[in-house]
């Protein structure tokens, strides 16, 4: 599995507009081959947003970042202070148990 973390400045977009855009684009992201999940991120106080993606394979990640959808959204040159980092997800993490604060 492979992950992508993208963050950028809102660049004049309000948090509400960002949420609406994320909702409108959900079907396009749902159709991305090999995309396991996409979680929109928002820090309204810092004026930053982005997304955390998980892909089935590094190949699926590579195809996505080369796509028009990525270029038009998270990879857009209009995004201010864009930061995009990808990570491999170790095989051992696929079967790990995630513990959330407050759960036992």
PDB file of N, CA and C in Angstrom:
ATOM      1  N   UNK A   1       0.850  -1.177   0.000  1.00  0.00           N
ATOM      2  CA  UNK A   1       0.000   0.000   0.000  1.00  0.00           C
ATOM      3  C   UNK A   1       0.892   1.236   0.000  1.00  0.00           C
ATOM      4  N   UNK A   2       0.306   2.335  -0.441  1.00  0.00           N
ATOM      5  CA  UNK A   2       1.054   3.579  -0.552  1.00  0.00           C
ATOM      6  C   UNK A   2       0.143   4.734  -0.120  1.00  0.00           C
ATOM      7  N   UNK A   3       0.724   5.753   0.504  1.00  0.00           N
ATOM      8  CA  UNK A   3      -0.057   6.893   1.004  1.00  0.00           C
ATOM      9  C   UNK A   3       0.470   8.196   0.428  1.00  0.00           C
ATOM     10  N   UNK A   4      -0.416   9.179   0.362  1.00  0.00           N
ATOM     11  CA  UNK A   4      -0.084  10.522  -0.094  1.00  0.00           C
ATOM     12  C   UNK A   4      -0.713  11.516   0.868  1.00  0.00           C
ATOM     13  N   UNK A   5       0.100  12.452   1.348  1.00  0.00           N
ATOM     14  CA  UNK A   5      -0.381  13.528   2.205  1.00  0.00           C
ATOM     15  C   UNK A   5      -0.140  14.835   1.464  1.00  0.00           C
ATOM     16  N   UNK A   6      -1.213  15.557   1.183  1.00  0.00           N
ATOM     17  CA  UNK A   6      -1.137  16.829   0.464  1.00  0.00           C
ATOM     18  C   UNK A   6      -1.741  17.916   1.343  1.00  0.00           C
ATOM     19  N   UNK A   7      -1.007  19.018   1.525  1.00  0.00           N
ATOM     20  CA  UNK A   7      -1.550  20.183   2.238  1.00  0.00           C
ATOM     21  C   UNK A   7      -1.215  21.437   1.447  1.00  0.00           C
ATOM     22  N   UNK A   8      -2.082  22.433   1.574  1.00  0.00           N
ATOM     23  CA  UNK A   8      -1.878  23.690   0.863  1.00  0.00           C
ATOM     24  C   UNK A   8      -2.729  24.782   1.489  1.00  0.00           C
ATOM     25  N   UNK A   9      -2.432  26.026   1.135  1.00  0.00           N
ATOM     26  CA  UNK A   9      -3.200  27.159   1.635  1.00  0.00           C
ATOM     27  C   UNK A   9      -4.557  27.237   0.959  1.00  0.00           C
ATOM     28  N   UNK A  10      -5.522  27.760   1.691  1.00  0.00           N
ATOM     29  CA  UNK A  10      -6.871  27.891   1.148  1.00  0.00           C
ATOM     30  C   UNK A  10      -6.941  28.925   0.025  1.00  0.00           C
ATOM     31  N   UNK A  11      -5.993  29.848  -0.031  1.00  0.00           N
ATOM     32  CA  UNK A  11      -5.882  30.771  -1.153  1.00  0.00           C
ATOM     33  C   UNK A  11      -7.188  31.505  -1.462  1.00  0.00           C
ATOM     34  N   UNK A  12      -7.842  32.036  -0.433  1.00  0.00           N
ATOM     35  CA  UNK A  12      -9.081  32.788  -0.624  1.00  0.00           C
ATOM     36  C   UNK A  12     -10.341  31.951  -0.571  1.00  0.00           C
ATOM     37  N   UNK A  13     -10.204  30.626  -0.502  1.00  0.00           N
ATOM     38  CA  UNK A  13     -11.355  29.738  -0.394  1.00  0.00           C
ATOM     39  C   UNK A  13     -11.753  29.625   1.068  1.00  0.00           C
ATOM     40  N   UNK A  14     -13.031  29.731   1.351  1.00  0.00           N
ATOM     41  CA  UNK A  14     -13.492  29.580   2.730  1.00  0.00           C
ATOM     42  C   UNK A  14     -13.563  28.083   3.081  1.00  0.00           C
ATOM     43  N   UNK A  15     -13.510  27.753   4.368  1.00  0.00           N
ATOM     44  CA  UNK A  15     -13.667  26.346   4.761  1.00  0.00           C
ATOM     45  C   UNK A  15     -14.965  25.736   4.237  1.00  0.00           C
ATOM     46  N   UNK A  16     -16.027  26.520   4.209  1.00  0.00           N
ATOM     47  CA  UNK A  16     -17.313  26.024   3.701  1.00  0.00           C
ATOM     48  C   UNK A  16     -17.206  25.699   2.207  1.00  0.00           C
ATOM     49  N   UNK A  17     -16.564  26.571   1.441  1.00  0.00           N
ATOM     50  CA  UNK A  17     -16.373  26.325   0.007  1.00  0.00           C
ATOM     51  C   UNK A  17     -15.509  25.087  -0.219  1.00  0.00           C
ATOM     52  N   UNK A  18     -14.487  24.919   0.621  1.00  0.00           N
ATOM     53  CA  UNK A  18     -13.625  23.752   0.513  1.00  0.00           C
ATOM     54  C   UNK A  18     -14.430  22.476   0.770  1.00  0.00           C
ATOM     55  N   UNK A  19     -15.280  22.489   1.780  1.00  0.00           N
ATOM     56  CA  UNK A  19     -16.109  21.320   2.097  1.00  0.00           C
ATOM     57  C   UNK A  19     -17.057  21.005   0.940  1.00  0.00           C
ATOM     58  N   UNK A  20     -17.648  22.039   0.348  1.00  0.00           N
ATOM     59  CA  UNK A  20     -18.547  21.844  -0.792  1.00  0.00           C
ATOM     60  C   UNK A  20     -17.800  21.260  -1.984  1.00  0.00           C
ATOM     61  N   UNK A  21     -16.607  21.755  -2.242  1.00  0.00           N
ATOM     62  CA  UNK A  21     -15.799  21.236  -3.349  1.00  0.00           C
ATOM     63  C   UNK A  21     -15.436  19.772  -3.108  1.00  0.00           C
ATOM     64  N   UNK A  22     -15.037  19.440  -1.893  1.00  0.00           N
ATOM     65  CA  UNK A  22     -14.700  18.054  -1.559  1.00  0.00           C
ATOM     66  C   UNK A  22     -15.887  17.132  -1.801  1.00  0.00           C
ATOM     67  N   UNK A  23     -17.062  17.594  -1.410  1.00  0.00           N
ATOM     68  CA  UNK A  23     -18.279  16.801  -1.597  1.00  0.00           C
ATOM     69  C   UNK A  23     -18.600  16.641  -3.086  1.00  0.00           C
ATOM     70  N   UNK A  24     -18.449  17.708  -3.851  1.00  0.00           N
ATOM     71  CA  UNK A  24     -18.750  17.662  -5.284  1.00  0.00           C
ATOM     72  C   UNK A  24     -17.790  16.740  -6.034  1.00  0.00           C
ATOM     73  N   UNK A  25     -16.547  16.670  -5.584  1.00  0.00           N
ATOM     74  CA  UNK A  25     -15.543  15.846  -6.260  1.00  0.00           C
ATOM     75  C   UNK A  25     -15.526  14.392  -5.795  1.00  0.00           C
ATOM     76  N   UNK A  26     -16.285  14.069  -4.762  1.00  0.00           N
ATOM     77  CA  UNK A  26     -16.270  12.715  -4.201  1.00  0.00           C
ATOM     78  C   UNK A  26     -16.500  11.635  -5.258  1.00  0.00           C
ATOM     79  N   UNK A  27     -17.467  11.777  -6.176  1.00  0.00           N
ATOM     80  CA  UNK A  27     -17.651  10.718  -7.189  1.00  0.00           C
ATOM     81  C   UNK A  27     -16.427  10.535  -8.092  1.00  0.00           C
ATOM     82  N   UNK A  28     -15.751  11.619  -8.439  1.00  0.00           N
ATOM     83  CA  UNK A  28     -14.554  11.509  -9.277  1.00  0.00           C
ATOM     84  C   UNK A  28     -13.453  10.756  -8.542  1.00  0.00           C
ATOM     85  N   UNK A  29     -13.276  11.054  -7.263  1.00  0.00           N
ATOM     86  CA  UNK A  29     -12.256  10.350  -6.490  1.00  0.00           C
ATOM     87  C   UNK A  29     -12.646   8.889  -6.270  1.00  0.00           C
ATOM     88  N   UNK A  30     -13.934   8.613  -6.116  1.00  0.00           N
ATOM     89  CA  UNK A  30     -14.397   7.237  -5.924  1.00  0.00           C
ATOM     90  C   UNK A  30     -14.088   6.368  -7.145  1.00  0.00           C
ATOM     91  N   UNK A  31     -13.956   6.996  -8.302  1.00  0.00           N
ATOM     92  CA  UNK A  31     -13.699   6.256  -9.544  1.00  0.00           C
ATOM     93  C   UNK A  31     -12.209   6.060  -9.834  1.00  0.00           C
ATOM     94  N   UNK A  32     -11.325   6.580  -8.982  1.00  0.00           N
ATOM     95  CA  UNK A  32      -9.878   6.454  -9.214  1.00  0.00           C
ATOM     96  C   UNK A  32      -9.457   5.005  -8.976  1.00  0.00           C
ATOM     97  N   UNK A  33      -8.911   4.340 -10.011  1.00  0.00           N
ATOM     98  CA  UNK A  33      -8.485   2.949  -9.832  1.00  0.00           C
ATOM     99  C   UNK A  33      -7.377   2.830  -8.779  1.00  0.00           C
ATOM    100  N   UNK A  34      -7.562   1.912  -7.851  1.00  0.00           N
ATOM    101  CA  UNK A  34      -6.548   1.659  -6.835  1.00  0.00           C
ATOM    102  C   UNK A  34      -6.584   2.572  -5.633  1.00  0.00           C
ATOM    103  N   UNK A  35      -7.490   3.554  -5.616  1.00  0.00           N
ATOM    104  CA  UNK A  35      -7.610   4.442  -4.454  1.00  0.00           C
ATOM    105  C   UNK A  35      -8.471   3.756  -3.400  1.00  0.00           C
ATOM    106  N   UNK A  36      -7.878   3.491  -2.241  1.00  0.00           N
ATOM    107  CA  UNK A  36      -8.583   2.813  -1.154  1.00  0.00           C
ATOM    108  C   UNK A  36      -9.405   3.811  -0.354  1.00  0.00           C
ATOM    109  N   UNK A  37      -8.803   4.973  -0.044  1.00  0.00           N
ATOM    110  CA  UNK A  37      -9.526   5.994   0.720  1.00  0.00           C
ATOM    111  C   UNK A  37      -8.928   7.372   0.470  1.00  0.00           C
ATOM    112  N   UNK A  38      -9.776   8.375   0.656  1.00  0.00           N
ATOM    113  CA  UNK A  38      -9.357   9.776   0.600  1.00  0.00           C
ATOM    114  C   UNK A  38     -10.043  10.490   1.746  1.00  0.00           C
ATOM    115  N   UNK A  39      -9.248  11.120   2.599  1.00  0.00           N
ATOM    116  CA  UNK A  39      -9.786  11.844   3.739  1.00  0.00           C
ATOM    117  C   UNK A  39      -9.441  13.315   3.586  1.00  0.00           C
ATOM    118  N   UNK A  40     -10.448  14.186   3.364  1.00  0.00           N
ATOM    119  CA  UNK A  40     -10.167  15.621   3.288  1.00  0.00           C
ATOM    120  C   UNK A  40      -9.680  16.133   4.641  1.00  0.00           C
ATOM    121  N   UNK A  41      -8.773  17.101   4.614  1.00  0.00           N
ATOM    122  CA  UNK A  41      -8.206  17.683   5.832  1.00  0.00           C
ATOM    123  C   UNK A  41      -8.439  19.186   5.817  1.00  0.00           C
ATOM    124  N   UNK A  42      -8.639  19.748   7.000  1.00  0.00           N
ATOM    125  CA  UNK A  42      -8.866  21.196   7.087  1.00  0.00           C
ATOM    126  C   UNK A  42      -8.332  21.718   8.418  1.00  0.00           C
ATOM    127  N   UNK A  43      -7.608  22.824   8.350  1.00  0.00           N
ATOM    128  CA  UNK A  43      -7.194  23.566   9.529  1.00  0.00           C
ATOM    129  C   UNK A  43      -7.570  25.016   9.253  1.00  0.00           C
ATOM    130  N   UNK A  44      -8.805  25.369   9.599  1.00  0.00           N
ATOM    131  CA  UNK A  44      -9.320  26.700   9.304  1.00  0.00           C
ATOM    132  C   UNK A  44      -8.519  27.785  10.008  1.00  0.00           C
ATOM    133  N   UNK A  45      -8.033  27.509  11.203  1.00  0.00           N
ATOM    134  CA  UNK A  45      -7.250  28.490  11.955  1.00  0.00           C
ATOM    135  C   UNK A  45      -5.972  28.856  11.205  1.00  0.00           C
ATOM    136  N   UNK A  46      -5.321  27.861  10.634  1.00  0.00           N
ATOM    137  CA  UNK A  46      -4.073  28.084   9.897  1.00  0.00           C
ATOM    138  C   UNK A  46      -4.327  28.421   8.427  1.00  0.00           C
ATOM    139  N   UNK A  47      -5.580  28.315   7.986  1.00  0.00           N
ATOM    140  CA  UNK A  47      -5.896  28.581   6.588  1.00  0.00           C
ATOM    141  C   UNK A  47      -5.326  27.529   5.646  1.00  0.00           C
ATOM    142  N   UNK A  48      -5.286  26.269   6.105  1.00  0.00           N
ATOM    143  CA  UNK A  48      -4.717  25.182   5.313  1.00  0.00           C
ATOM    144  C   UNK A  48      -5.741  24.061   5.148  1.00  0.00           C
ATOM    145  N   UNK A  49      -5.619  23.367   4.057  1.00  0.00           N
ATOM    146  CA  UNK A  49      -6.455  22.204   3.816  1.00  0.00           C
ATOM    147  C   UNK A  49      -5.643  21.190   3.042  1.00  0.00           C
ATOM    148  N   UNK A  50      -6.259  20.089   2.684  1.00  0.00           N
ATOM    149  CA  UNK A  50      -5.557  19.066   1.940  1.00  0.00           C
ATOM    150  C   UNK A  50      -6.310  17.761   1.993  1.00  0.00           C
ATOM    151  N   UNK A  51      -5.562  16.672   1.810  1.00  0.00           N
ATOM    152  CA  UNK A  51      -6.178  15.354   1.825  1.00  0.00           C
ATOM    153  C   UNK A  51      -5.115  14.299   2.144  1.00  0.00           C
ATOM    154  N   UNK A  52      -5.589  13.199   2.721  1.00  0.00           N
ATOM    155  CA  UNK A  52      -4.746  12.036   2.982  1.00  0.00           C
ATOM    156  C   UNK A  52      -5.318  10.888   2.170  1.00  0.00           C
ATOM    157  N   UNK A  53      -4.500  10.320   1.293  1.00  0.00           N
ATOM    158  CA  UNK A  53      -4.924   9.259   0.385  1.00  0.00           C
ATOM    159  C   UNK A  53      -4.208   7.960   0.729  1.00  0.00           C
ATOM    160  N   UNK A  54      -4.895   6.841   0.520  1.00  0.00           N
ATOM    161  CA  UNK A  54      -4.279   5.521   0.625  1.00  0.00           C
ATOM    162  C   UNK A  54      -4.587   4.787  -0.680  1.00  0.00           C
ATOM    163  N   UNK A  55      -3.524   4.240  -1.298  1.00  0.00           N
ATOM    164  CA  UNK A  55      -3.633   3.520  -2.562  1.00  0.00           C
ATOM    165  C   UNK A  55      -3.265   2.056  -2.361  1.00  0.00           C
ATOM    166  N   UNK A  56      -3.822   1.188  -3.213  1.00  0.00           N
ATOM    167  CA  UNK A  56      -3.515  -0.241  -3.144  1.00  0.00           C
ATOM    168  C   UNK A  56      -2.046  -0.506  -3.441  1.00  0.00           C
ATOM    169  N   UNK A  57      -1.482   0.247  -4.396  1.00  0.00           N
ATOM    170  CA  UNK A  57      -0.102   0.007  -4.829  1.00  0.00           C
ATOM    171  C   UNK A  57       0.592   1.327  -5.140  1.00  0.00           C
ATOM    172  N   UNK A  58       1.910   1.276  -5.235  1.00  0.00           N
ATOM    173  CA  UNK A  58       2.689   2.445  -5.649  1.00  0.00           C
ATOM    174  C   UNK A  58       2.327   2.818  -7.086  1.00  0.00           C
ATOM    175  N   UNK A  59       2.049   1.819  -7.921  1.00  0.00           N
ATOM    176  CA  UNK A  59       1.638   2.076  -9.304  1.00  0.00           C
ATOM    177  C   UNK A  59       0.345   2.871  -9.379  1.00  0.00           C
ATOM    178  N   UNK A  60      -0.625   2.541  -8.522  1.00  0.00           N
ATOM    179  CA  UNK A  60      -1.891   3.279  -8.489  1.00  0.00           C
ATOM    180  C   UNK A  60      -1.643   4.729  -8.061  1.00  0.00           C
ATOM    181  N   UNK A  61      -0.758   4.909  -7.086  1.00  0.00           N
ATOM    182  CA  UNK A  61      -0.362   6.256  -6.660  1.00  0.00           C
ATOM    183  C   UNK A  61       0.272   7.015  -7.827  1.00  0.00           C
ATOM    184  N   UNK A  62       1.227   6.390  -8.508  1.00  0.00           N
ATOM    185  CA  UNK A  62       1.910   7.042  -9.634  1.00  0.00           C
ATOM    186  C   UNK A  62       0.929   7.472 -10.717  1.00  0.00           C
ATOM    187  N   UNK A  63      -0.026   6.614 -11.041  1.00  0.00           N
ATOM    188  CA  UNK A  63      -1.028   6.961 -12.061  1.00  0.00           C
ATOM    189  C   UNK A  63      -1.892   8.128 -11.592  1.00  0.00           C
ATOM    190  N   UNK A  64      -2.250   8.141 -10.301  1.00  0.00           N
ATOM    191  CA  UNK A  64      -3.084   9.232  -9.789  1.00  0.00           C
ATOM    192  C   UNK A  64      -2.367  10.577  -9.867  1.00  0.00           C
ATOM    193  N   UNK A  65      -1.106  10.645  -9.406  1.00  0.00           N
ATOM    194  CA  UNK A  65      -0.414  11.940  -9.402  1.00  0.00           C
ATOM    195  C   UNK A  65      -0.082  12.420 -10.809  1.00  0.00           C
ATOM    196  N   UNK A  66      -0.183  11.535 -11.797  1.00  0.00           N
ATOM    197  CA  UNK A  66       0.006  11.927 -13.197  1.00  0.00           C
ATOM    198  C   UNK A  66      -1.328  12.264 -13.876  1.00  0.00           C
ATOM    199  N   UNK A  67      -2.437  12.155 -13.138  1.00  0.00           N
ATOM    200  CA  UNK A  67      -3.772  12.324 -13.721  1.00  0.00           C
ATOM    201  C   UNK A  67      -4.212  13.782 -13.782  1.00  0.00           C
ATOM    202  N   UNK A  68      -5.190  14.025 -14.635  1.00  0.00           N
ATOM    203  CA  UNK A  68      -5.796  15.360 -14.740  1.00  0.00           C
ATOM    204  C   UNK A  68      -6.536  15.725 -13.459  1.00  0.00           C
ATOM    205  N   UNK A  69      -7.149  14.740 -12.806  1.00  0.00           N
ATOM    206  CA  UNK A  69      -7.879  15.012 -11.561  1.00  0.00           C
ATOM    207  C   UNK A  69      -6.936  15.559 -10.498  1.00  0.00           C
ATOM    208  N   UNK A  70      -5.784  14.937 -10.329  1.00  0.00           N
ATOM    209  CA  UNK A  70      -4.812  15.430  -9.344  1.00  0.00           C
ATOM    210  C   UNK A  70      -4.315  16.820  -9.732  1.00  0.00           C
ATOM    211  N   UNK A  71      -3.996  17.017 -10.997  1.00  0.00           N
ATOM    212  CA  UNK A  71      -3.492  18.314 -11.467  1.00  0.00           C
ATOM    213  C   UNK A  71      -4.523  19.423 -11.252  1.00  0.00           C
ATOM    214  N   UNK A  72      -5.793  19.094 -11.393  1.00  0.00           N
ATOM    215  CA  UNK A  72      -6.848  20.098 -11.260  1.00  0.00           C
ATOM    216  C   UNK A  72      -7.263  20.352  -9.820  1.00  0.00           C
ATOM    217  N   UNK A  73      -6.858  19.468  -8.909  1.00  0.00           N
ATOM    218  CA  UNK A  73      -7.272  19.630  -7.512  1.00  0.00           C
ATOM    219  C   UNK A  73      -6.049  19.832  -6.638  1.00  0.00           C
ATOM    220  N   UNK A  74      -5.597  18.788  -5.969  1.00  0.00           N
ATOM    221  CA  UNK A  74      -4.504  18.907  -5.011  1.00  0.00           C
ATOM    222  C   UNK A  74      -3.180  19.319  -5.651  1.00  0.00           C
ATOM    223  N   UNK A  75      -2.956  18.970  -6.902  1.00  0.00           N
ATOM    224  CA  UNK A  75      -1.702  19.302  -7.555  1.00  0.00           C
ATOM    225  C   UNK A  75      -1.737  20.623  -8.292  1.00  0.00           C
ATOM    226  N   UNK A  76      -2.805  21.365  -8.128  1.00  0.00           N
ATOM    227  CA  UNK A  76      -2.982  22.620  -8.853  1.00  0.00           C
ATOM    228  C   UNK A  76      -1.914  23.643  -8.506  1.00  0.00           C
ATOM    229  N   UNK A  77      -1.342  24.305  -9.521  1.00  0.00           N
ATOM    230  CA  UNK A  77      -0.337  25.331  -9.241  1.00  0.00           C
ATOM    231  C   UNK A  77      -0.918  26.547  -8.520  1.00  0.00           C
ATOM    232  N   UNK A  78      -2.236  26.688  -8.534  1.00  0.00           N
ATOM    233  CA  UNK A  78      -2.855  27.813  -7.832  1.00  0.00           C
ATOM    234  C   UNK A  78      -2.864  27.627  -6.312  1.00  0.00           C
ATOM    235  N   UNK A  79      -2.647  26.414  -5.861  1.00  0.00           N
ATOM    236  CA  UNK A  79      -2.617  26.157  -4.422  1.00  0.00           C
ATOM    237  C   UNK A  79      -1.376  26.828  -3.837  1.00  0.00           C
ATOM    238  N   UNK A  80      -1.570  27.570  -2.763  1.00  0.00           N
ATOM    239  CA  UNK A  80      -0.425  28.252  -2.154  1.00  0.00           C
ATOM    240  C   UNK A  80       0.262  27.344  -1.144  1.00  0.00           C
ATOM    241  N   UNK A  81       1.563  27.447  -1.065  1.00  0.00           N
ATOM    242  CA  UNK A  81       2.375  26.671  -0.117  1.00  0.00           C
ATOM    243  C   UNK A  81       2.049  25.188  -0.178  1.00  0.00           C
ATOM    244  N   UNK A  82       1.991  24.645  -1.390  1.00  0.00           N
ATOM    245  CA  UNK A  82       1.681  23.235  -1.586  1.00  0.00           C
ATOM    246  C   UNK A  82       2.787  22.355  -1.018  1.00  0.00           C
ATOM    247  N   UNK A  83       2.388  21.337  -0.270  1.00  0.00           N
ATOM    248  CA  UNK A  83       3.316  20.314   0.218  1.00  0.00           C
ATOM    249  C   UNK A  83       2.685  18.960  -0.075  1.00  0.00           C
ATOM    250  N   UNK A  84       3.395  18.120  -0.809  1.00  0.00           N
ATOM    251  CA  UNK A  84       2.904  16.783  -1.139  1.00  0.00           C
ATOM    252  C   UNK A  84       4.009  15.785  -0.829  1.00  0.00           C
ATOM    253  N   UNK A  85       3.696  14.817   0.019  1.00  0.00           N
ATOM    254  CA  UNK A  85       4.655  13.788   0.403  1.00  0.00           C
ATOM    255  C   UNK A  85       3.990  12.434   0.282  1.00  0.00           C
ATOM    256  N   UNK A  86       4.729  11.470  -0.294  1.00  0.00           N
ATOM    257  CA  UNK A  86       4.183  10.126  -0.369  1.00  0.00           C
ATOM    258  C   UNK A  86       4.987   9.196   0.536  1.00  0.00           C
ATOM    259  N   UNK A  87       4.331   8.131   0.951  1.00  0.00           N
ATOM    260  CA  UNK A  87       4.900   7.189   1.913  1.00  0.00           C
ATOM    261  C   UNK A  87       4.506   5.777   1.527  1.00  0.00           C
ATOM    262  N   UNK A  88       5.408   4.842   1.708  1.00  0.00           N
ATOM    263  CA  UNK A  88       5.010   3.444   1.588  1.00  0.00           C
ATOM    264  C   UNK A  88       4.421   3.040   2.942  1.00  0.00           C
ATOM    265  N   UNK A  89       3.459   2.156   2.894  1.00  0.00           N
ATOM    266  CA  UNK A  89       2.855   1.648   4.130  1.00  0.00           C
ATOM    267  C   UNK A  89       3.397   0.242   4.321  1.00  0.00           C
ATOM    268  N   UNK A  90       4.196   0.027   5.367  1.00  0.00           N
ATOM    269  CA  UNK A  90       4.801  -1.295   5.568  1.00  0.00           C
ATOM    270  C   UNK A  90       3.748  -2.388   5.676  1.00  0.00           C
ATOM    271  N   UNK A  91       4.086  -3.558   5.165  1.00  0.00           N
ATOM    272  CA  UNK A  91       3.160  -4.689   5.201  1.00  0.00           C
ATOM    273  C   UNK A  91       2.639  -4.955   6.609  1.00  0.00           C
ATOM    274  N   UNK A  92       3.480  -4.783   7.610  1.00  0.00           N
ATOM    275  CA  UNK A  92       3.048  -5.047   8.983  1.00  0.00           C
ATOM    276  C   UNK A  92       1.943  -4.091   9.408  1.00  0.00           C
ATOM    277  N   UNK A  93       1.894  -2.905   8.819  1.00  0.00           N
ATOM    278  CA  UNK A  93       0.864  -1.928   9.184  1.00  0.00           C
ATOM    279  C   UNK A  93      -0.499  -2.316   8.626  1.00  0.00           C
ATOM    280  N   UNK A  94      -0.552  -3.151   7.590  1.00  0.00           N
ATOM    281  CA  UNK A  94      -1.830  -3.551   6.990  1.00  0.00           C
ATOM    282  C   UNK A  94      -2.701  -4.315   7.967  1.00  0.00           C
ATOM    283  N   UNK A  95      -2.058  -5.001   8.878  1.00  0.00           N
ATOM    284  CA  UNK A  95      -2.809  -5.845   9.807  1.00  0.00           C
ATOM    285  C   UNK A  95      -2.741  -5.340  11.239  1.00  0.00           C
ATOM    286  N   UNK A  96      -2.244  -4.138  11.417  1.00  0.00           N
ATOM    287  CA  UNK A  96      -2.131  -3.565  12.753  1.00  0.00           C
ATOM    288  C   UNK A  96      -3.492  -3.161  13.279  1.00  0.00           C
ATOM    289  N   UNK A  97      -3.577  -3.098  14.566  1.00  0.00           N
ATOM    290  CA  UNK A  97      -4.768  -2.588  15.213  1.00  0.00           C
ATOM    291  C   UNK A  97      -4.513  -1.123  15.556  1.00  0.00           C
ATOM    292  N   UNK A  98      -5.429  -0.285  15.156  1.00  0.00           N
ATOM    293  CA  UNK A  98      -5.311   1.129  15.470  1.00  0.00           C
ATOM    294  C   UNK A  98      -6.102   1.398  16.734  1.00  0.00           C
ATOM    295  N   UNK A  99      -5.477   2.041  17.690  1.00  0.00           N
ATOM    296  CA  UNK A  99      -6.138   2.409  18.930  1.00  0.00           C
ATOM    297  C   UNK A  99      -6.429   3.892  18.925  1.00  0.00           C
ATOM    298  N   UNK A 100      -7.644   4.241  19.213  1.00  0.00           N
ATOM    299  CA  UNK A 100      -8.045   5.634  19.278  1.00  0.00           C
ATOM    300  C   UNK A 100      -8.187   6.043  20.737  1.00  0.00           C
ATOM    301  N   UNK A 101      -7.820   7.259  21.013  1.00  0.00           N
ATOM    302  CA  UNK A 101      -7.934   7.779  22.368  1.00  0.00           C
ATOM    303  C   UNK A 101      -9.359   7.604  22.875  1.00  0.00           C
ATOM    304  N   UNK A 102      -9.496   7.124  24.062  1.00  0.00           N
ATOM    305  CA  UNK A 102     -10.823   6.951  24.668  1.00  0.00           C
ATOM    306  C   UNK A 102     -11.410   5.565  24.435  1.00  0.00           C
ATOM    307  N   UNK A 103     -10.751   4.750  23.560  1.00  0.00           N
ATOM    308  CA  UNK A 103     -11.241   3.398  23.331  1.00  0.00           C
ATOM    309  C   UNK A 103     -10.417   2.428  24.164  1.00  0.00           C
ATOM    310  N   UNK A 104     -11.022   1.325  24.494  1.00  0.00           N
ATOM    311  CA  UNK A 104     -10.284   0.296  25.232  1.00  0.00           C
ATOM    312  C   UNK A 104     -10.264  -0.988  24.459  1.00  0.00           C
TER     313      UNK A 104
END
